[in-house]
N, C-alpha and C. Protein backbone atom coordinates (compact mmCIF):
# COMPACT_ATOMS: atom_id res chain seq x y z
N UNK A 1 -8.86 17.17 30.86
CA UNK A 1 -9.08 17.01 29.44
C UNK A 1 -10.51 17.41 29.12
N UNK A 2 -10.64 18.28 28.16
CA UNK A 2 -11.97 18.77 27.80
C UNK A 2 -12.64 17.89 26.76
N UNK A 3 -13.88 18.20 26.43
CA UNK A 3 -14.63 17.42 25.45
C UNK A 3 -14.01 17.47 24.05
N UNK A 4 -13.38 18.58 23.71
CA UNK A 4 -12.73 18.69 22.39
C UNK A 4 -11.55 17.73 22.31
N UNK A 5 -10.76 17.66 23.38
CA UNK A 5 -9.63 16.74 23.41
C UNK A 5 -10.09 15.29 23.30
N UNK A 6 -11.14 14.96 24.00
CA UNK A 6 -11.67 13.59 23.95
C UNK A 6 -12.19 13.28 22.55
N UNK A 7 -12.83 14.24 21.93
CA UNK A 7 -13.32 14.06 20.56
C UNK A 7 -12.19 13.83 19.57
N UNK A 8 -11.12 14.60 19.71
CA UNK A 8 -9.96 14.45 18.82
C UNK A 8 -9.30 13.09 19.03
N UNK A 9 -9.15 12.68 20.29
CA UNK A 9 -8.57 11.37 20.57
C UNK A 9 -9.44 10.24 20.02
N UNK A 10 -10.75 10.38 20.13
CA UNK A 10 -11.66 9.37 19.59
C UNK A 10 -11.55 9.30 18.08
N UNK A 11 -11.46 10.45 17.43
CA UNK A 11 -11.31 10.48 15.97
C UNK A 11 -10.01 9.82 15.54
N UNK A 12 -8.92 10.11 16.22
CA UNK A 12 -7.63 9.51 15.90
C UNK A 12 -7.69 8.00 16.11
N UNK A 13 -8.33 7.56 17.19
CA UNK A 13 -8.46 6.12 17.46
C UNK A 13 -9.25 5.42 16.37
N UNK A 14 -10.32 6.05 15.90
CA UNK A 14 -11.11 5.47 14.82
C UNK A 14 -10.29 5.38 13.54
N UNK A 15 -9.54 6.42 13.22
CA UNK A 15 -8.72 6.41 12.01
C UNK A 15 -7.63 5.34 12.08
N UNK A 16 -7.00 5.19 13.23
CA UNK A 16 -5.99 4.15 13.40
C UNK A 16 -6.63 2.77 13.24
N UNK A 17 -7.80 2.57 13.83
CA UNK A 17 -8.50 1.28 13.71
C UNK A 17 -8.84 0.98 12.27
N UNK A 18 -9.28 1.99 11.51
CA UNK A 18 -9.60 1.78 10.09
C UNK A 18 -8.35 1.45 9.28
N UNK A 19 -7.24 2.09 9.59
CA UNK A 19 -5.98 1.80 8.89
C UNK A 19 -5.52 0.37 9.17
N UNK A 20 -5.58 -0.03 10.42
CA UNK A 20 -5.17 -1.39 10.78
C UNK A 20 -6.09 -2.40 10.10
N UNK A 21 -7.38 -2.13 10.10
CA UNK A 21 -8.35 -3.02 9.43
C UNK A 21 -8.02 -3.16 7.96
N UNK A 22 -7.72 -2.04 7.30
CA UNK A 22 -7.37 -2.08 5.88
C UNK A 22 -6.10 -2.91 5.65
N UNK A 23 -5.10 -2.71 6.47
CA UNK A 23 -3.85 -3.45 6.31
C UNK A 23 -4.05 -4.95 6.51
N UNK A 24 -4.85 -5.31 7.48
CA UNK A 24 -5.11 -6.73 7.75
C UNK A 24 -5.89 -7.35 6.61
N UNK A 25 -6.91 -6.66 6.13
CA UNK A 25 -7.74 -7.22 5.06
C UNK A 25 -7.00 -7.27 3.73
N UNK A 26 -6.16 -6.30 3.43
CA UNK A 26 -5.49 -6.25 2.14
C UNK A 26 -4.24 -7.12 2.09
N UNK A 27 -3.70 -7.49 3.24
CA UNK A 27 -2.48 -8.27 3.27
C UNK A 27 -2.70 -9.77 3.30
N UNK A 28 -3.91 -10.23 3.16
CA UNK A 28 -4.20 -11.66 3.25
C UNK A 28 -3.52 -12.47 2.17
N UNK A 29 -3.61 -11.99 0.93
CA UNK A 29 -3.04 -12.77 -0.16
C UNK A 29 -1.70 -12.23 -0.65
N UNK A 30 -1.20 -11.18 -0.04
CA UNK A 30 0.10 -10.64 -0.39
C UNK A 30 0.08 -9.71 -1.59
N UNK A 31 -1.05 -9.60 -2.26
CA UNK A 31 -1.13 -8.76 -3.45
C UNK A 31 -1.82 -7.43 -3.19
N UNK A 32 -2.31 -7.24 -2.01
CA UNK A 32 -2.97 -6.02 -1.59
C UNK A 32 -4.03 -5.61 -2.59
N UNK A 33 -3.91 -4.46 -3.21
CA UNK A 33 -4.94 -4.00 -4.13
C UNK A 33 -4.42 -3.93 -5.56
N UNK A 34 -3.52 -4.81 -5.89
CA UNK A 34 -2.94 -4.83 -7.23
C UNK A 34 -4.02 -5.12 -8.26
N UNK A 35 -4.04 -4.36 -9.32
CA UNK A 35 -5.01 -4.56 -10.38
C UNK A 35 -4.78 -5.82 -11.18
N UNK A 36 -3.62 -6.39 -11.10
CA UNK A 36 -3.29 -7.59 -11.88
C UNK A 36 -3.40 -8.86 -11.07
N UNK A 37 -3.90 -8.79 -9.85
CA UNK A 37 -3.84 -9.95 -8.97
C UNK A 37 -4.72 -11.12 -9.41
N UNK A 38 -5.80 -10.88 -10.14
CA UNK A 38 -6.69 -11.98 -10.55
C UNK A 38 -6.02 -12.92 -11.55
N UNK A 39 -5.26 -12.39 -12.49
CA UNK A 39 -4.62 -13.23 -13.50
C UNK A 39 -3.12 -13.29 -13.34
N UNK A 40 -2.64 -13.13 -12.15
CA UNK A 40 -1.21 -13.03 -11.90
C UNK A 40 -0.56 -14.42 -11.83
N UNK A 41 0.39 -14.66 -12.71
CA UNK A 41 1.07 -15.94 -12.70
C UNK A 41 2.05 -16.03 -11.53
N UNK A 42 2.57 -14.92 -11.08
CA UNK A 42 3.50 -14.92 -9.94
C UNK A 42 2.78 -15.34 -8.67
N UNK A 43 1.56 -14.92 -8.54
CA UNK A 43 0.78 -15.28 -7.35
C UNK A 43 0.52 -16.79 -7.32
N UNK A 44 0.23 -17.36 -8.47
CA UNK A 44 -0.07 -18.79 -8.54
C UNK A 44 1.20 -19.63 -8.41
N UNK A 45 2.30 -19.17 -9.02
CA UNK A 45 3.51 -19.98 -9.07
C UNK A 45 4.57 -19.56 -8.05
N UNK A 46 4.36 -18.43 -7.39
CA UNK A 46 5.34 -17.96 -6.41
C UNK A 46 6.54 -17.28 -7.05
N UNK A 47 6.38 -16.79 -8.27
CA UNK A 47 7.48 -16.12 -8.97
C UNK A 47 7.55 -14.64 -8.62
N UNK A 48 8.25 -13.90 -9.47
CA UNK A 48 8.38 -12.46 -9.26
C UNK A 48 7.16 -11.73 -9.78
N UNK A 49 6.86 -10.61 -9.19
CA UNK A 49 5.68 -9.82 -9.54
C UNK A 49 6.02 -8.86 -10.67
N UNK A 50 5.38 -9.05 -11.82
CA UNK A 50 5.67 -8.19 -12.97
C UNK A 50 5.19 -6.76 -12.74
N UNK A 51 4.08 -6.59 -12.02
CA UNK A 51 3.58 -5.25 -11.75
C UNK A 51 4.55 -4.47 -10.86
N UNK A 52 5.12 -5.14 -9.87
CA UNK A 52 6.09 -4.47 -8.99
C UNK A 52 7.37 -4.16 -9.75
N UNK A 53 7.82 -5.09 -10.58
CA UNK A 53 9.02 -4.84 -11.38
C UNK A 53 8.82 -3.65 -12.31
N UNK A 54 7.64 -3.56 -12.94
CA UNK A 54 7.34 -2.45 -13.84
C UNK A 54 7.31 -1.14 -13.07
N UNK A 55 6.70 -1.14 -11.88
CA UNK A 55 6.64 0.06 -11.07
C UNK A 55 8.05 0.53 -10.69
N UNK A 56 8.90 -0.39 -10.26
CA UNK A 56 10.27 -0.03 -9.89
C UNK A 56 11.07 0.46 -11.09
N UNK A 57 10.88 -0.17 -12.23
CA UNK A 57 11.58 0.25 -13.45
C UNK A 57 11.18 1.68 -13.82
N UNK A 58 9.88 1.99 -13.75
CA UNK A 58 9.42 3.35 -14.06
C UNK A 58 9.95 4.37 -13.06
N UNK A 59 9.97 4.00 -11.78
CA UNK A 59 10.48 4.92 -10.75
C UNK A 59 11.96 5.20 -10.96
N UNK A 60 12.73 4.16 -11.25
CA UNK A 60 14.17 4.36 -11.49
C UNK A 60 14.41 5.21 -12.72
N UNK A 61 13.60 5.01 -13.76
CA UNK A 61 13.76 5.80 -14.97
C UNK A 61 13.43 7.25 -14.66
N UNK A 62 12.36 7.51 -13.92
CA UNK A 62 11.96 8.87 -13.59
C UNK A 62 13.00 9.56 -12.70
N UNK A 63 13.55 8.84 -11.76
CA UNK A 63 14.58 9.41 -10.90
C UNK A 63 15.88 9.66 -11.66
N UNK A 64 16.16 8.82 -12.64
CA UNK A 64 17.38 8.99 -13.43
C UNK A 64 17.31 10.19 -14.35
N UNK A 65 16.08 10.60 -14.74
CA UNK A 65 15.92 11.72 -15.66
C UNK A 65 15.92 13.06 -14.94
N UNK A 66 15.78 13.06 -13.62
CA UNK A 66 15.76 14.31 -12.88
C UNK A 66 17.15 14.93 -12.85
N UNK A 67 17.23 16.23 -13.06
CA UNK A 67 18.54 16.89 -12.97
C UNK A 67 19.02 16.90 -11.53
N UNK A 68 20.28 16.65 -11.36
CA UNK A 68 20.88 16.65 -10.02
C UNK A 68 21.21 18.09 -9.65
N UNK A 69 20.87 18.48 -8.44
CA UNK A 69 21.16 19.87 -8.13
C UNK A 69 21.27 20.21 -6.75
């Protein structure tokens, strides 16, 4: 294995470590990086997430409008 191969493996290892770090840090409260997490009633009461429901509703609407082909 040459120095270039070792450099590429080191870069990949660093990127994987950063991804794992991000997932661990963002998954602590279950809301990840949601913009509504500070005033979220679902987070406090354990109910359904309105931001997620809105996202899914928009995705379904967008997929429903696409022509089938």
